[in-house]
Amino acid sequence: MAVNLKEKKKCHIVAPAWLNVDFLQDRLNKETSQRGFSDLPFRFTEVSKILLDVASDDLENPDKLRYLLKDLREARQAKSRDGLQTLDHNELSASPTSESL
């Protein structure tokens, strides 16, 4: 509804508390310095993309937000790739069990 109203220029959108440079910079630092994934809000990528596409004029420093979100995505993708490379492919192969025979 907010997106529809924004597109009709009938409202301003207030960004969620996490969609700011300080929060995302902190999460990026954690993401690149810790082994596991940092805590981020549910559906943060989808929400941030919609808000940046539709309401960037309502956000503070939208270009920096895009940059930080891109870096977060790339850091997470790299961790995922590294994790997949460490999997033992022999343990993942399906072997017939007595139940499936």
N, C-alpha and C. Protein backbone atom coordinates (compact mmCIF):
# COMPACT_ATOMS: atom_id res chain seq x y z
N MET A 1 0.81 -1.17 0.00
CA MET A 1 0.00 0.00 0.00
C MET A 1 0.88 1.26 0.00
N ALA A 2 1.91 1.25 0.83
CA ALA A 2 2.80 2.40 0.90
C ALA A 2 3.47 2.67 -0.45
N VAL A 3 3.87 1.60 -1.13
CA VAL A 3 4.52 1.77 -2.43
C VAL A 3 3.53 2.38 -3.42
N ASN A 4 2.30 1.91 -3.40
CA ASN A 4 1.28 2.45 -4.29
C ASN A 4 1.05 3.94 -4.01
N LEU A 5 0.93 4.30 -2.73
CA LEU A 5 0.74 5.70 -2.38
C LEU A 5 1.96 6.55 -2.75
N LYS A 6 3.14 6.00 -2.55
CA LYS A 6 4.37 6.73 -2.89
C LYS A 6 4.44 6.99 -4.38
N GLU A 7 4.09 5.99 -5.18
CA GLU A 7 4.12 6.17 -6.63
C GLU A 7 3.13 7.24 -7.09
N LYS A 8 2.05 7.42 -6.33
CA LYS A 8 1.07 8.47 -6.64
C LYS A 8 1.43 9.80 -5.98
N LYS A 9 2.59 9.82 -5.33
CA LYS A 9 3.08 11.02 -4.63
C LYS A 9 2.11 11.51 -3.56
N LYS A 10 1.55 10.54 -2.84
CA LYS A 10 0.59 10.87 -1.78
C LYS A 10 1.13 10.58 -0.38
N CYS A 11 2.38 10.15 -0.29
CA CYS A 11 2.95 9.90 1.03
C CYS A 11 4.48 9.91 0.96
N HIS A 12 5.08 9.93 2.12
CA HIS A 12 6.52 9.73 2.27
C HIS A 12 6.68 8.45 3.07
N ILE A 13 7.70 7.70 2.74
CA ILE A 13 7.94 6.43 3.43
C ILE A 13 9.04 6.62 4.46
N VAL A 14 8.78 6.13 5.66
CA VAL A 14 9.78 6.15 6.72
C VAL A 14 10.49 4.80 6.69
N ALA A 15 11.78 4.84 6.52
CA ALA A 15 12.57 3.61 6.41
C ALA A 15 12.59 2.85 7.73
N PRO A 16 12.72 1.52 7.65
CA PRO A 16 12.88 0.74 8.88
C PRO A 16 14.18 1.16 9.59
N ALA A 17 14.22 0.91 10.88
CA ALA A 17 15.37 1.35 11.70
C ALA A 17 16.68 0.77 11.19
N TRP A 18 16.66 -0.40 10.60
CA TRP A 18 17.89 -1.05 10.16
C TRP A 18 18.40 -0.51 8.81
N LEU A 19 17.58 0.20 8.06
CA LEU A 19 17.99 0.67 6.74
C LEU A 19 18.67 2.03 6.86
N ASN A 20 19.87 1.98 7.45
CA ASN A 20 20.69 3.18 7.56
C ASN A 20 22.16 2.80 7.44
N VAL A 21 22.98 3.74 7.14
CA VAL A 21 24.39 3.50 6.85
C VAL A 21 25.10 2.88 8.05
N ASP A 22 24.87 3.40 9.25
CA ASP A 22 25.57 2.89 10.44
C ASP A 22 25.28 1.42 10.69
N PHE A 23 24.01 1.05 10.64
CA PHE A 23 23.62 -0.34 10.90
C PHE A 23 24.23 -1.26 9.84
N LEU A 24 24.09 -0.90 8.57
CA LEU A 24 24.60 -1.76 7.51
C LEU A 24 26.12 -1.84 7.51
N GLN A 25 26.78 -0.75 7.83
CA GLN A 25 28.25 -0.77 7.93
C GLN A 25 28.69 -1.71 9.05
N ASP A 26 28.00 -1.65 10.18
CA ASP A 26 28.30 -2.54 11.29
C ASP A 26 28.10 -4.01 10.89
N ARG A 27 27.01 -4.29 10.20
CA ARG A 27 26.75 -5.68 9.77
C ARG A 27 27.77 -6.13 8.73
N LEU A 28 28.19 -5.24 7.86
CA LEU A 28 29.21 -5.60 6.88
C LEU A 28 30.53 -5.91 7.57
N ASN A 29 30.89 -5.12 8.57
CA ASN A 29 32.12 -5.40 9.33
C ASN A 29 32.04 -6.76 10.00
N LYS A 30 30.90 -7.07 10.60
CA LYS A 30 30.72 -8.39 11.24
C LYS A 30 30.76 -9.49 10.20
N GLU A 31 30.13 -9.25 9.07
CA GLU A 31 30.06 -10.27 8.02
C GLU A 31 31.44 -10.62 7.49
N THR A 32 32.31 -9.63 7.39
CA THR A 32 33.64 -9.88 6.82
C THR A 32 34.67 -10.28 7.87
N SER A 33 34.36 -10.12 9.14
CA SER A 33 35.34 -10.46 10.17
C SER A 33 34.99 -11.72 10.95
N GLN A 34 33.76 -12.20 10.82
CA GLN A 34 33.34 -13.41 11.55
C GLN A 34 33.11 -14.55 10.57
N ARG A 35 33.19 -15.74 11.12
CA ARG A 35 33.02 -16.91 10.28
C ARG A 35 31.57 -17.12 9.85
N GLY A 36 30.64 -16.93 10.75
CA GLY A 36 29.23 -17.15 10.46
C GLY A 36 28.58 -15.94 9.82
N PHE A 37 27.31 -16.08 9.50
CA PHE A 37 26.55 -14.98 8.93
C PHE A 37 26.11 -14.04 10.04
N SER A 38 26.14 -12.74 9.77
CA SER A 38 25.67 -11.76 10.74
C SER A 38 24.14 -11.74 10.74
N ASP A 39 23.56 -11.31 11.85
CA ASP A 39 22.12 -11.21 11.96
C ASP A 39 21.60 -10.02 11.17
N LEU A 40 20.66 -10.31 10.31
CA LEU A 40 20.02 -9.26 9.53
C LEU A 40 18.51 -9.49 9.56
N PRO A 41 17.74 -8.45 9.38
CA PRO A 41 16.28 -8.60 9.42
C PRO A 41 15.78 -9.55 8.33
N PHE A 42 14.66 -10.19 8.62
CA PHE A 42 14.02 -11.09 7.66
C PHE A 42 13.67 -10.31 6.40
N ARG A 43 14.00 -10.86 5.25
CA ARG A 43 13.71 -10.26 3.95
C ARG A 43 14.33 -8.88 3.75
N PHE A 44 15.49 -8.68 4.34
CA PHE A 44 16.14 -7.36 4.23
C PHE A 44 16.47 -6.99 2.79
N THR A 45 16.84 -7.98 1.98
CA THR A 45 17.19 -7.65 0.59
C THR A 45 15.98 -7.19 -0.20
N GLU A 46 14.86 -7.89 -0.03
CA GLU A 46 13.66 -7.54 -0.77
C GLU A 46 13.12 -6.17 -0.35
N VAL A 47 13.06 -5.94 0.97
CA VAL A 47 12.54 -4.67 1.48
C VAL A 47 13.42 -3.52 1.05
N SER A 48 14.73 -3.69 1.17
CA SER A 48 15.63 -2.59 0.81
C SER A 48 15.58 -2.29 -0.68
N LYS A 49 15.47 -3.33 -1.52
CA LYS A 49 15.39 -3.10 -2.96
C LYS A 49 14.13 -2.30 -3.31
N ILE A 50 13.00 -2.69 -2.75
CA ILE A 50 11.75 -1.98 -3.04
C ILE A 50 11.85 -0.53 -2.59
N LEU A 51 12.33 -0.32 -1.37
CA LEU A 51 12.42 1.05 -0.85
C LEU A 51 13.41 1.89 -1.64
N LEU A 52 14.52 1.31 -2.02
CA LEU A 52 15.50 2.07 -2.81
C LEU A 52 14.98 2.36 -4.22
N ASP A 53 14.20 1.46 -4.78
CA ASP A 53 13.65 1.68 -6.12
C ASP A 53 12.54 2.72 -6.11
N VAL A 54 11.69 2.66 -5.08
CA VAL A 54 10.47 3.49 -5.07
C VAL A 54 10.64 4.77 -4.26
N ALA A 55 11.39 4.69 -3.18
CA ALA A 55 11.41 5.82 -2.23
C ALA A 55 12.82 6.28 -1.89
N SER A 56 13.73 6.24 -2.83
CA SER A 56 15.10 6.63 -2.51
C SER A 56 15.18 8.09 -2.06
N ASP A 57 14.23 8.91 -2.50
CA ASP A 57 14.23 10.31 -2.08
C ASP A 57 13.83 10.47 -0.61
N ASP A 58 13.23 9.43 -0.03
CA ASP A 58 12.87 9.46 1.39
C ASP A 58 13.96 8.87 2.29
N LEU A 59 15.00 8.31 1.69
CA LEU A 59 16.06 7.65 2.45
C LEU A 59 17.29 8.56 2.53
N GLU A 60 17.99 8.44 3.64
CA GLU A 60 19.21 9.20 3.83
C GLU A 60 20.37 8.45 3.18
N ASN A 61 21.06 9.09 2.27
CA ASN A 61 22.24 8.55 1.60
C ASN A 61 21.95 7.24 0.85
N PRO A 62 21.02 7.24 -0.10
CA PRO A 62 20.64 6.01 -0.79
C PRO A 62 21.77 5.36 -1.58
N ASP A 63 22.69 6.14 -2.13
CA ASP A 63 23.80 5.55 -2.88
C ASP A 63 24.71 4.74 -1.96
N LYS A 64 25.00 5.26 -0.79
CA LYS A 64 25.82 4.53 0.18
C LYS A 64 25.09 3.27 0.65
N LEU A 65 23.77 3.35 0.83
CA LEU A 65 22.98 2.17 1.22
C LEU A 65 23.08 1.09 0.15
N ARG A 66 22.96 1.48 -1.11
CA ARG A 66 23.08 0.50 -2.21
C ARG A 66 24.45 -0.17 -2.19
N TYR A 67 25.47 0.63 -2.00
CA TYR A 67 26.85 0.13 -1.96
C TYR A 67 27.03 -0.88 -0.82
N LEU A 68 26.54 -0.54 0.37
CA LEU A 68 26.67 -1.44 1.52
C LEU A 68 25.86 -2.72 1.34
N LEU A 69 24.66 -2.61 0.80
CA LEU A 69 23.84 -3.79 0.54
C LEU A 69 24.49 -4.71 -0.49
N LYS A 70 25.09 -4.11 -1.50
CA LYS A 70 25.81 -4.90 -2.51
C LYS A 70 27.00 -5.62 -1.88
N ASP A 71 27.75 -4.92 -1.04
CA ASP A 71 28.89 -5.55 -0.37
C ASP A 71 28.45 -6.66 0.58
N LEU A 72 27.36 -6.46 1.28
CA LEU A 72 26.82 -7.51 2.15
C LEU A 72 26.44 -8.74 1.34
N ARG A 73 25.75 -8.52 0.23
CA ARG A 73 25.34 -9.64 -0.62
C ARG A 73 26.56 -10.40 -1.13
N GLU A 74 27.56 -9.67 -1.58
CA GLU A 74 28.77 -10.33 -2.11
C GLU A 74 29.52 -11.08 -1.02
N ALA A 75 29.60 -10.53 0.18
CA ALA A 75 30.27 -11.21 1.29
C ALA A 75 29.54 -12.50 1.64
N ARG A 76 28.22 -12.47 1.65
CA ARG A 76 27.43 -13.66 1.95
C ARG A 76 27.55 -14.70 0.84
N GLN A 77 27.57 -14.25 -0.39
CA GLN A 77 27.75 -15.19 -1.50
C GLN A 77 29.10 -15.88 -1.42
N ALA A 78 30.14 -15.14 -1.08
CA ALA A 78 31.48 -15.72 -0.95
C ALA A 78 31.50 -16.76 0.17
N LYS A 79 30.86 -16.45 1.29
CA LYS A 79 30.80 -17.42 2.39
C LYS A 79 30.05 -18.67 1.97
N SER A 80 28.98 -18.50 1.22
CA SER A 80 28.20 -19.65 0.75
C SER A 80 29.03 -20.51 -0.20
N ARG A 81 29.74 -19.86 -1.12
CA ARG A 81 30.59 -20.62 -2.05
C ARG A 81 31.68 -21.38 -1.30
N ASP A 82 32.32 -20.71 -0.34
CA ASP A 82 33.37 -21.37 0.44
C ASP A 82 32.80 -22.55 1.21
N GLY A 83 31.62 -22.38 1.77
CA GLY A 83 30.99 -23.46 2.52
C GLY A 83 30.65 -24.65 1.63
N LEU A 84 30.20 -24.38 0.42
CA LEU A 84 29.88 -25.47 -0.51
C LEU A 84 31.12 -26.24 -0.93
N GLN A 85 32.24 -25.54 -1.03
CA GLN A 85 33.48 -26.20 -1.44
C GLN A 85 34.00 -27.14 -0.35
N THR A 86 33.65 -26.89 0.89
CA THR A 86 34.15 -27.73 1.97
C THR A 86 33.27 -28.96 2.22
N LEU A 87 32.13 -29.04 1.54
CA LEU A 87 31.25 -30.20 1.71
C LEU A 87 31.91 -31.46 1.15
N ASP A 88 31.67 -32.57 1.79
CA ASP A 88 32.16 -33.85 1.31
C ASP A 88 31.11 -34.40 0.34
N HIS A 89 31.43 -34.39 -0.93
CA HIS A 89 30.46 -34.79 -1.94
C HIS A 89 30.11 -36.27 -1.85
N ASN A 90 30.98 -37.10 -1.29
CA ASN A 90 30.67 -38.52 -1.12
C ASN A 90 29.55 -38.71 -0.11
N GLU A 91 29.52 -37.87 0.92
CA GLU A 91 28.46 -37.99 1.92
C GLU A 91 27.12 -37.47 1.39
N LEU A 92 27.15 -36.65 0.38
CA LEU A 92 25.91 -36.09 -0.17
C LEU A 92 25.27 -36.99 -1.20
N SER A 93 26.02 -37.93 -1.77
CA SER A 93 25.45 -38.77 -2.83
C SER A 93 24.40 -39.69 -2.22
N ALA A 94 23.34 -39.87 -2.97
CA ALA A 94 22.23 -40.72 -2.49
C ALA A 94 22.61 -42.17 -2.69
N SER A 95 22.48 -42.95 -1.65
CA SER A 95 22.72 -44.38 -1.75
C SER A 95 21.41 -45.10 -1.47
N PRO A 96 21.17 -46.18 -2.18
CA PRO A 96 19.92 -46.90 -1.97
C PRO A 96 19.85 -47.46 -0.55
N THR A 97 18.69 -47.37 0.04
CA THR A 97 18.46 -47.94 1.37
C THR A 97 17.51 -49.10 1.23
N SER A 98 17.41 -49.88 2.26
CA SER A 98 16.51 -51.04 2.21
C SER A 98 15.06 -50.61 2.04
N GLU A 99 14.72 -49.40 2.51
CA GLU A 99 13.34 -48.93 2.37
C GLU A 99 13.01 -48.57 0.93
N SER A 100 14.00 -48.11 0.17
CA SER A 100 13.72 -47.71 -1.20
C SER A 100 13.79 -48.87 -2.17
N LEU A 101 14.25 -50.01 -1.75
CA LEU A 101 14.34 -51.17 -2.66
C LEU A 101 13.08 -51.95 -2.74
